[in-house]
Amino acid sequence: MIYHPGDSLHVPAQPIETLLVPAQASWVKMAEVIDFVKAIKPQRAFAIHDAQINDRGPSSVNGWLAEETDSGYRYLAPGQSI
């Protein structure tokens, strides 16, 4: 199952295979994003809501999500696909 949480950090009851992670927004802290991914425990995760991150930001966001969660997280640049 693919889960797109929109503008929320709601943890669904069913298992999630692929999680689309709201990686940056004015309403969220990175610690909350990490806890969200850890709570869902997806097989893989990809960032959404990352367009406002400047050129230096993706390495920080991607590093935190990859190192702090066991989710198969990887960054997809615009135009890339899995």
PDB file of N, CA and C in Angstrom:
ATOM      1  N   MET A   1       0.838  -1.180   0.000  1.00  0.00           N
ATOM      2  CA  MET A   1       0.000   0.000   0.000  1.00  0.00           C
ATOM      3  C   MET A   1       0.886   1.247   0.000  1.00  0.00           C
ATOM      4  N   ILE A   2       0.506   2.242  -0.773  1.00  0.00           N
ATOM      5  CA  ILE A   2       1.172   3.547  -0.794  1.00  0.00           C
ATOM      6  C   ILE A   2       0.331   4.497   0.055  1.00  0.00           C
ATOM      7  N   TYR A   3       1.009   5.217   0.936  1.00  0.00           N
ATOM      8  CA  TYR A   3       0.304   6.151   1.817  1.00  0.00           C
ATOM      9  C   TYR A   3       0.807   7.561   1.582  1.00  0.00           C
ATOM     10  N   HIS A   4      -0.096   8.446   1.158  1.00  0.00           N
ATOM     11  CA  HIS A   4       0.172   9.879   1.008  1.00  0.00           C
ATOM     12  C   HIS A   4      -0.616  10.579   2.113  1.00  0.00           C
ATOM     13  N   PRO A   5       0.068  11.043   3.178  1.00  0.00           N
ATOM     14  CA  PRO A   5      -0.654  11.606   4.308  1.00  0.00           C
ATOM     15  C   PRO A   5      -1.143  13.040   4.112  1.00  0.00           C
ATOM     16  N   GLY A   6      -0.823  13.636   2.963  1.00  0.00           N
ATOM     17  CA  GLY A   6      -1.216  15.029   2.756  1.00  0.00           C
ATOM     18  C   GLY A   6      -0.500  15.922   3.755  1.00  0.00           C
ATOM     19  N   ASP A   7      -1.223  16.843   4.341  1.00  0.00           N
ATOM     20  CA  ASP A   7      -0.653  17.760   5.335  1.00  0.00           C
ATOM     21  C   ASP A   7      -0.921  17.255   6.746  1.00  0.00           C
ATOM     22  N   SER A   8      -0.593  15.999   6.985  1.00  0.00           N
ATOM     23  CA  SER A   8      -0.823  15.451   8.320  1.00  0.00           C
ATOM     24  C   SER A   8       0.284  14.466   8.671  1.00  0.00           C
ATOM     25  N   LEU A   9       0.323  14.102   9.920  1.00  0.00           N
ATOM     26  CA  LEU A   9       1.224  13.050  10.393  1.00  0.00           C
ATOM     27  C   LEU A   9       0.390  11.947  11.027  1.00  0.00           C
ATOM     28  N   HIS A  10      -0.743  11.652  10.417  1.00  0.00           N
ATOM     29  CA  HIS A  10      -1.642  10.618  10.915  1.00  0.00           C
ATOM     30  C   HIS A  10      -1.044   9.241  10.647  1.00  0.00           C
ATOM     31  N   VAL A  11      -0.984   8.416  11.674  1.00  0.00           N
ATOM     32  CA  VAL A  11      -0.467   7.052  11.552  1.00  0.00           C
ATOM     33  C   VAL A  11      -1.655   6.115  11.341  1.00  0.00           C
ATOM     34  N   PRO A  12      -1.751   5.505  10.157  1.00  0.00           N
ATOM     35  CA  PRO A  12      -2.876   4.615   9.894  1.00  0.00           C
ATOM     36  C   PRO A  12      -2.733   3.287  10.627  1.00  0.00           C
ATOM     37  N   ALA A  13      -3.838   2.589  10.764  1.00  0.00           N
ATOM     38  CA  ALA A  13      -3.841   1.310  11.480  1.00  0.00           C
ATOM     39  C   ALA A  13      -3.254   0.176  10.643  1.00  0.00           C
ATOM     40  N   GLN A  14      -3.385   0.236   9.324  1.00  0.00           N
ATOM     41  CA  GLN A  14      -2.908  -0.853   8.471  1.00  0.00           C
ATOM     42  C   GLN A  14      -1.429  -0.682   8.117  1.00  0.00           C
ATOM     43  N   PRO A  15      -0.760  -1.775   7.777  1.00  0.00           N
ATOM     44  CA  PRO A  15       0.645  -1.718   7.380  1.00  0.00           C
ATOM     45  C   PRO A  15       0.823  -0.911   6.095  1.00  0.00           C
ATOM     46  N   ILE A  16       1.919  -0.182   6.025  1.00  0.00           N
ATOM     47  CA  ILE A  16       2.225   0.652   4.862  1.00  0.00           C
ATOM     48  C   ILE A  16       3.519   0.163   4.226  1.00  0.00           C
ATOM     49  N   GLU A  17       3.467  -0.104   2.943  1.00  0.00           N
ATOM     50  CA  GLU A  17       4.665  -0.533   2.215  1.00  0.00           C
ATOM     51  C   GLU A  17       5.494   0.675   1.774  1.00  0.00           C
ATOM     52  N   THR A  18       4.843   1.664   1.165  1.00  0.00           N
ATOM     53  CA  THR A  18       5.519   2.857   0.663  1.00  0.00           C
ATOM     54  C   THR A  18       4.899   4.086   1.305  1.00  0.00           C
ATOM     55  N   LEU A  19       5.731   4.877   1.968  1.00  0.00           N
ATOM     56  CA  LEU A  19       5.275   6.091   2.643  1.00  0.00           C
ATOM     57  C   LEU A  19       5.809   7.312   1.914  1.00  0.00           C
ATOM     58  N   LEU A  20       4.926   8.267   1.635  1.00  0.00           N
ATOM     59  CA  LEU A  20       5.334   9.566   1.105  1.00  0.00           C
ATOM     60  C   LEU A  20       5.407  10.506   2.307  1.00  0.00           C
ATOM     61  N   VAL A  21       6.605  10.937   2.623  1.00  0.00           N
ATOM     62  CA  VAL A  21       6.892  11.654   3.869  1.00  0.00           C
ATOM     63  C   VAL A  21       6.861  13.165   3.678  1.00  0.00           C
ATOM     64  N   PRO A  22       6.010  13.905   4.400  1.00  0.00           N
ATOM     65  CA  PRO A  22       6.078  15.359   4.346  1.00  0.00           C
ATOM     66  C   PRO A  22       7.379  15.817   5.018  1.00  0.00           C
ATOM     67  N   ALA A  23       8.388  16.083   4.204  1.00  0.00           N
ATOM     68  CA  ALA A  23       9.741  16.309   4.709  1.00  0.00           C
ATOM     69  C   ALA A  23       9.977  17.718   5.236  1.00  0.00           C
ATOM     70  N   GLN A  24       9.189  18.685   4.784  1.00  0.00           N
ATOM     71  CA  GLN A  24       9.404  20.058   5.233  1.00  0.00           C
ATOM     72  C   GLN A  24       8.111  20.835   5.064  1.00  0.00           C
ATOM     73  N   ALA A  25       7.787  21.610   6.055  1.00  0.00           N
ATOM     74  CA  ALA A  25       6.635  22.510   6.004  1.00  0.00           C
ATOM     75  C   ALA A  25       6.711  23.439   7.209  1.00  0.00           C
ATOM     76  N   SER A  26       5.983  24.520   7.144  1.00  0.00           N
ATOM     77  CA  SER A  26       5.999  25.473   8.259  1.00  0.00           C
ATOM     78  C   SER A  26       5.338  24.898   9.501  1.00  0.00           C
ATOM     79  N   TRP A  27       4.575  23.826   9.361  1.00  0.00           N
ATOM     80  CA  TRP A  27       3.817  23.253  10.464  1.00  0.00           C
ATOM     81  C   TRP A  27       4.477  22.029  11.096  1.00  0.00           C
ATOM     82  N   VAL A  28       5.676  21.669  10.663  1.00  0.00           N
ATOM     83  CA  VAL A  28       6.265  20.418  11.140  1.00  0.00           C
ATOM     84  C   VAL A  28       7.736  20.600  11.538  1.00  0.00           C
ATOM     85  N   LYS A  29       8.161  19.817  12.524  1.00  0.00           N
ATOM     86  CA  LYS A  29       9.564  19.767  12.948  1.00  0.00           C
ATOM     87  C   LYS A  29      10.158  18.453  12.445  1.00  0.00           C
ATOM     88  N   MET A  30      11.453  18.454  12.151  1.00  0.00           N
ATOM     89  CA  MET A  30      12.103  17.238  11.651  1.00  0.00           C
ATOM     90  C   MET A  30      11.967  16.090  12.656  1.00  0.00           C
ATOM     91  N   ALA A  31      12.021  16.377  13.942  1.00  0.00           N
ATOM     92  CA  ALA A  31      11.861  15.321  14.948  1.00  0.00           C
ATOM     93  C   ALA A  31      10.491  14.660  14.832  1.00  0.00           C
ATOM     94  N   GLU A  32       9.463  15.441  14.523  1.00  0.00           N
ATOM     95  CA  GLU A  32       8.119  14.887  14.342  1.00  0.00           C
ATOM     96  C   GLU A  32       8.051  14.016  13.089  1.00  0.00           C
ATOM     97  N   VAL A  33       8.748  14.446  12.039  1.00  0.00           N
ATOM     98  CA  VAL A  33       8.783  13.670  10.793  1.00  0.00           C
ATOM     99  C   VAL A  33       9.468  12.325  11.040  1.00  0.00           C
ATOM    100  N   ILE A  34      10.578  12.343  11.750  1.00  0.00           N
ATOM    101  CA  ILE A  34      11.307  11.111  12.065  1.00  0.00           C
ATOM    102  C   ILE A  34      10.425  10.180  12.902  1.00  0.00           C
ATOM    103  N   ASP A  35       9.774  10.711  13.924  1.00  0.00           N
ATOM    104  CA  ASP A  35       8.878   9.896  14.755  1.00  0.00           C
ATOM    105  C   ASP A  35       7.728   9.312  13.932  1.00  0.00           C
ATOM    106  N   PHE A  36       7.220  10.084  12.997  1.00  0.00           N
ATOM    107  CA  PHE A  36       6.146   9.639  12.105  1.00  0.00           C
ATOM    108  C   PHE A  36       6.594   8.428  11.284  1.00  0.00           C
ATOM    109  N   VAL A  37       7.763   8.521  10.668  1.00  0.00           N
ATOM    110  CA  VAL A  37       8.274   7.410   9.851  1.00  0.00           C
ATOM    111  C   VAL A  37       8.534   6.187  10.733  1.00  0.00           C
ATOM    112  N   LYS A  38       9.113   6.398  11.901  1.00  0.00           N
ATOM    113  CA  LYS A  38       9.374   5.282  12.820  1.00  0.00           C
ATOM    114  C   LYS A  38       8.076   4.605  13.257  1.00  0.00           C
ATOM    115  N   ALA A  39       7.022   5.378  13.470  1.00  0.00           N
ATOM    116  CA  ALA A  39       5.747   4.813  13.915  1.00  0.00           C
ATOM    117  C   ALA A  39       5.096   3.969  12.823  1.00  0.00           C
ATOM    118  N   ILE A  40       5.253   4.380  11.572  1.00  0.00           N
ATOM    119  CA  ILE A  40       4.635   3.651  10.465  1.00  0.00           C
ATOM    120  C   ILE A  40       5.461   2.437  10.048  1.00  0.00           C
ATOM    121  N   LYS A  41       6.783   2.542  10.147  1.00  0.00           N
ATOM    122  CA  LYS A  41       7.680   1.436   9.783  1.00  0.00           C
ATOM    123  C   LYS A  41       7.456   0.943   8.345  1.00  0.00           C
ATOM    124  N   PRO A  42       7.530   1.848   7.362  1.00  0.00           N
ATOM    125  CA  PRO A  42       7.316   1.418   5.980  1.00  0.00           C
ATOM    126  C   PRO A  42       8.521   0.640   5.454  1.00  0.00           C
ATOM    127  N   GLN A  43       8.312  -0.094   4.370  1.00  0.00           N
ATOM    128  CA  GLN A  43       9.429  -0.772   3.711  1.00  0.00           C
ATOM    129  C   GLN A  43      10.301   0.241   2.975  1.00  0.00           C
ATOM    130  N   ARG A  44       9.673   1.301   2.479  1.00  0.00           N
ATOM    131  CA  ARG A  44      10.418   2.370   1.808  1.00  0.00           C
ATOM    132  C   ARG A  44       9.656   3.670   1.984  1.00  0.00           C
ATOM    133  N   ALA A  45      10.391   4.775   1.891  1.00  0.00           N
ATOM    134  CA  ALA A  45       9.791   6.090   2.085  1.00  0.00           C
ATOM    135  C   ALA A  45      10.451   7.094   1.144  1.00  0.00           C
ATOM    136  N   PHE A  46       9.657   8.064   0.705  1.00  0.00           N
ATOM    137  CA  PHE A  46      10.124   9.105  -0.206  1.00  0.00           C
ATOM    138  C   PHE A  46       9.571  10.446   0.258  1.00  0.00           C
ATOM    139  N   ALA A  47      10.348  11.512   0.084  1.00  0.00           N
ATOM    140  CA  ALA A  47       9.956  12.845   0.534  1.00  0.00           C
ATOM    141  C   ALA A  47       8.909  13.467  -0.381  1.00  0.00           C
ATOM    142  N   ILE A  48       7.968  14.167   0.248  1.00  0.00           N
ATOM    143  CA  ILE A  48       7.073  15.101  -0.429  1.00  0.00           C
ATOM    144  C   ILE A  48       7.139  16.393   0.374  1.00  0.00           C
ATOM    145  N   HIS A  49       6.534  17.446  -0.100  1.00  0.00           N
ATOM    146  CA  HIS A  49       6.566  18.748   0.582  1.00  0.00           C
ATOM    147  C   HIS A  49       8.007  19.207   0.830  1.00  0.00           C
ATOM    148  N   ASP A  50       8.853  19.068  -0.175  1.00  0.00           N
ATOM    149  CA  ASP A  50      10.255  19.450  -0.007  1.00  0.00           C
ATOM    150  C   ASP A  50      10.675  20.578  -0.942  1.00  0.00           C
ATOM    151  N   ALA A  51       9.750  21.198  -1.640  1.00  0.00           N
ATOM    152  CA  ALA A  51      10.087  22.208  -2.643  1.00  0.00           C
ATOM    153  C   ALA A  51      10.648  23.490  -2.037  1.00  0.00           C
ATOM    154  N   GLN A  52      10.384  23.764  -0.769  1.00  0.00           N
ATOM    155  CA  GLN A  52      10.885  24.991  -0.144  1.00  0.00           C
ATOM    156  C   GLN A  52      12.275  24.825   0.465  1.00  0.00           C
ATOM    157  N   ILE A  53      12.836  23.660   0.369  1.00  0.00           N
ATOM    158  CA  ILE A  53      14.173  23.427   0.923  1.00  0.00           C
ATOM    159  C   ILE A  53      15.196  23.967  -0.072  1.00  0.00           C
ATOM    160  N   ASN A  54      16.130  24.799   0.414  1.00  0.00           N
ATOM    161  CA  ASN A  54      17.150  25.357  -0.480  1.00  0.00           C
ATOM    162  C   ASN A  54      18.160  24.285  -0.873  1.00  0.00           C
ATOM    163  N   ASP A  55      19.152  24.637  -1.673  1.00  0.00           N
ATOM    164  CA  ASP A  55      20.118  23.661  -2.197  1.00  0.00           C
ATOM    165  C   ASP A  55      20.865  22.897  -1.109  1.00  0.00           C
ATOM    166  N   ARG A  56      21.093  23.506   0.059  1.00  0.00           N
ATOM    167  CA  ARG A  56      21.796  22.824   1.149  1.00  0.00           C
ATOM    168  C   ARG A  56      20.880  21.909   1.943  1.00  0.00           C
ATOM    169  N   GLY A  57      19.604  22.199   1.940  1.00  0.00           N
ATOM    170  CA  GLY A  57      18.645  21.490   2.775  1.00  0.00           C
ATOM    171  C   GLY A  57      18.470  20.006   2.508  1.00  0.00           C
ATOM    172  N   PRO A  58      18.402  19.575   1.232  1.00  0.00           N
ATOM    173  CA  PRO A  58      18.147  18.149   1.003  1.00  0.00           C
ATOM    174  C   PRO A  58      19.162  17.215   1.656  1.00  0.00           C
ATOM    175  N   SER A  59      20.438  17.593   1.683  1.00  0.00           N
ATOM    176  CA  SER A  59      21.418  16.688   2.298  1.00  0.00           C
ATOM    177  C   SER A  59      21.137  16.523   3.789  1.00  0.00           C
ATOM    178  N   SER A  60      20.705  17.582   4.443  1.00  0.00           N
ATOM    179  CA  SER A  60      20.373  17.497   5.867  1.00  0.00           C
ATOM    180  C   SER A  60      19.115  16.670   6.082  1.00  0.00           C
ATOM    181  N   VAL A  61      18.049  17.010   5.366  1.00  0.00           N
ATOM    182  CA  VAL A  61      16.776  16.285   5.505  1.00  0.00           C
ATOM    183  C   VAL A  61      16.957  14.822   5.133  1.00  0.00           C
ATOM    184  N   ASN A  62      17.604  14.569   4.009  1.00  0.00           N
ATOM    185  CA  ASN A  62      17.791  13.191   3.557  1.00  0.00           C
ATOM    186  C   ASN A  62      18.682  12.408   4.509  1.00  0.00           C
ATOM    187  N   GLY A  63      19.699  13.044   5.040  1.00  0.00           N
ATOM    188  CA  GLY A  63      20.575  12.385   6.002  1.00  0.00           C
ATOM    189  C   GLY A  63      19.831  11.982   7.259  1.00  0.00           C
ATOM    190  N   TRP A  64      19.036  12.905   7.811  1.00  0.00           N
ATOM    191  CA  TRP A  64      18.272  12.600   9.019  1.00  0.00           C
ATOM    192  C   TRP A  64      17.306  11.447   8.785  1.00  0.00           C
ATOM    193  N   LEU A  65      16.546  11.520   7.698  1.00  0.00           N
ATOM    194  CA  LEU A  65      15.545  10.478   7.450  1.00  0.00           C
ATOM    195  C   LEU A  65      16.185   9.121   7.181  1.00  0.00           C
ATOM    196  N   ALA A  66      17.288   9.095   6.465  1.00  0.00           N
ATOM    197  CA  ALA A  66      17.950   7.824   6.165  1.00  0.00           C
ATOM    198  C   ALA A  66      18.622   7.235   7.404  1.00  0.00           C
ATOM    199  N   GLU A  67      19.263   8.079   8.212  1.00  0.00           N
ATOM    200  CA  GLU A  67      20.007   7.591   9.375  1.00  0.00           C
ATOM    201  C   GLU A  67      19.116   7.264  10.576  1.00  0.00           C
ATOM    202  N   GLU A  68      18.064   8.025  10.765  1.00  0.00           N
ATOM    203  CA  GLU A  68      17.254   7.893  11.975  1.00  0.00           C
ATOM    204  C   GLU A  68      16.070   6.939  11.835  1.00  0.00           C
ATOM    205  N   THR A  69      15.759   6.519  10.621  1.00  0.00           N
ATOM    206  CA  THR A  69      14.634   5.602  10.420  1.00  0.00           C
ATOM    207  C   THR A  69      15.125   4.380   9.668  1.00  0.00           C
ATOM    208  N   ASP A  70      14.450   3.288   9.876  1.00  0.00           N
ATOM    209  CA  ASP A  70      14.756   2.051   9.154  1.00  0.00           C
ATOM    210  C   ASP A  70      13.640   1.836   8.144  1.00  0.00           C
ATOM    211  N   SER A  71      13.577   2.756   7.146  1.00  0.00           N
ATOM    212  CA  SER A  71      12.422   2.794   6.266  1.00  0.00           C
ATOM    213  C   SER A  71      12.770   2.607   4.799  1.00  0.00           C
ATOM    214  N   GLY A  72      14.019   2.358   4.485  1.00  0.00           N
ATOM    215  CA  GLY A  72      14.408   2.281   3.080  1.00  0.00           C
ATOM    216  C   GLY A  72      14.285   3.631   2.404  1.00  0.00           C
ATOM    217  N   TYR A  73      14.440   4.714   3.181  1.00  0.00           N
ATOM    218  CA  TYR A  73      14.280   6.060   2.645  1.00  0.00           C
ATOM    219  C   TYR A  73      15.332   6.346   1.589  1.00  0.00           C
ATOM    220  N   ARG A  74      14.886   6.979   0.507  1.00  0.00           N
ATOM    221  CA  ARG A  74      15.816   7.536  -0.469  1.00  0.00           C
ATOM    222  C   ARG A  74      15.162   8.730  -1.120  1.00  0.00           C
ATOM    223  N   TYR A  75      15.992   9.646  -1.587  1.00  0.00           N
ATOM    224  CA  TYR A  75      15.511  10.881  -2.199  1.00  0.00           C
ATOM    225  C   TYR A  75      15.277  10.669  -3.686  1.00  0.00           C
ATOM    226  N   LEU A  76      14.146  11.134  -4.174  1.00  0.00           N
ATOM    227  CA  LEU A  76      13.871  11.158  -5.598  1.00  0.00           C
ATOM    228  C   LEU A  76      13.895  12.612  -6.062  1.00  0.00           C
ATOM    229  N   ALA A  77      14.836  12.959  -6.908  1.00  0.00           N
ATOM    230  CA  ALA A  77      14.907  14.313  -7.449  1.00  0.00           C
ATOM    231  C   ALA A  77      13.758  14.508  -8.443  1.00  0.00           C
ATOM    232  N   PRO A  78      13.356  15.745  -8.681  1.00  0.00           N
ATOM    233  CA  PRO A  78      12.297  15.986  -9.659  1.00  0.00           C
ATOM    234  C   PRO A  78      12.626  15.304 -10.988  1.00  0.00           C
ATOM    235  N   GLY A  79      11.672  14.575 -11.511  1.00  0.00           N
ATOM    236  CA  GLY A  79      11.863  13.867 -12.762  1.00  0.00           C
ATOM    237  C   GLY A  79      12.342  12.436 -12.616  1.00  0.00           C
ATOM    238  N   GLN A  80      12.851  12.053 -11.452  1.00  0.00           N
ATOM    239  CA  GLN A  80      13.295  10.674 -11.213  1.00  0.00           C
ATOM    240  C   GLN A  80      12.093   9.801 -10.878  1.00  0.00           C
ATOM    241  N   SER A  81      12.242   8.503 -11.104  1.00  0.00           N
ATOM    242  CA  SER A  81      11.195   7.566 -10.715  1.00  0.00           C
ATOM    243  C   SER A  81      11.843   6.315 -10.128  1.00  0.00           C
ATOM    244  N   ILE A  82      11.030   5.481  -9.506  1.00  0.00           N
ATOM    245  CA  ILE A  82      11.561   4.255  -8.924  1.00  0.00           C
ATOM    246  C   ILE A  82      11.356   3.094  -9.868  1.00  0.00           C
TER     247      ILE A  82
END
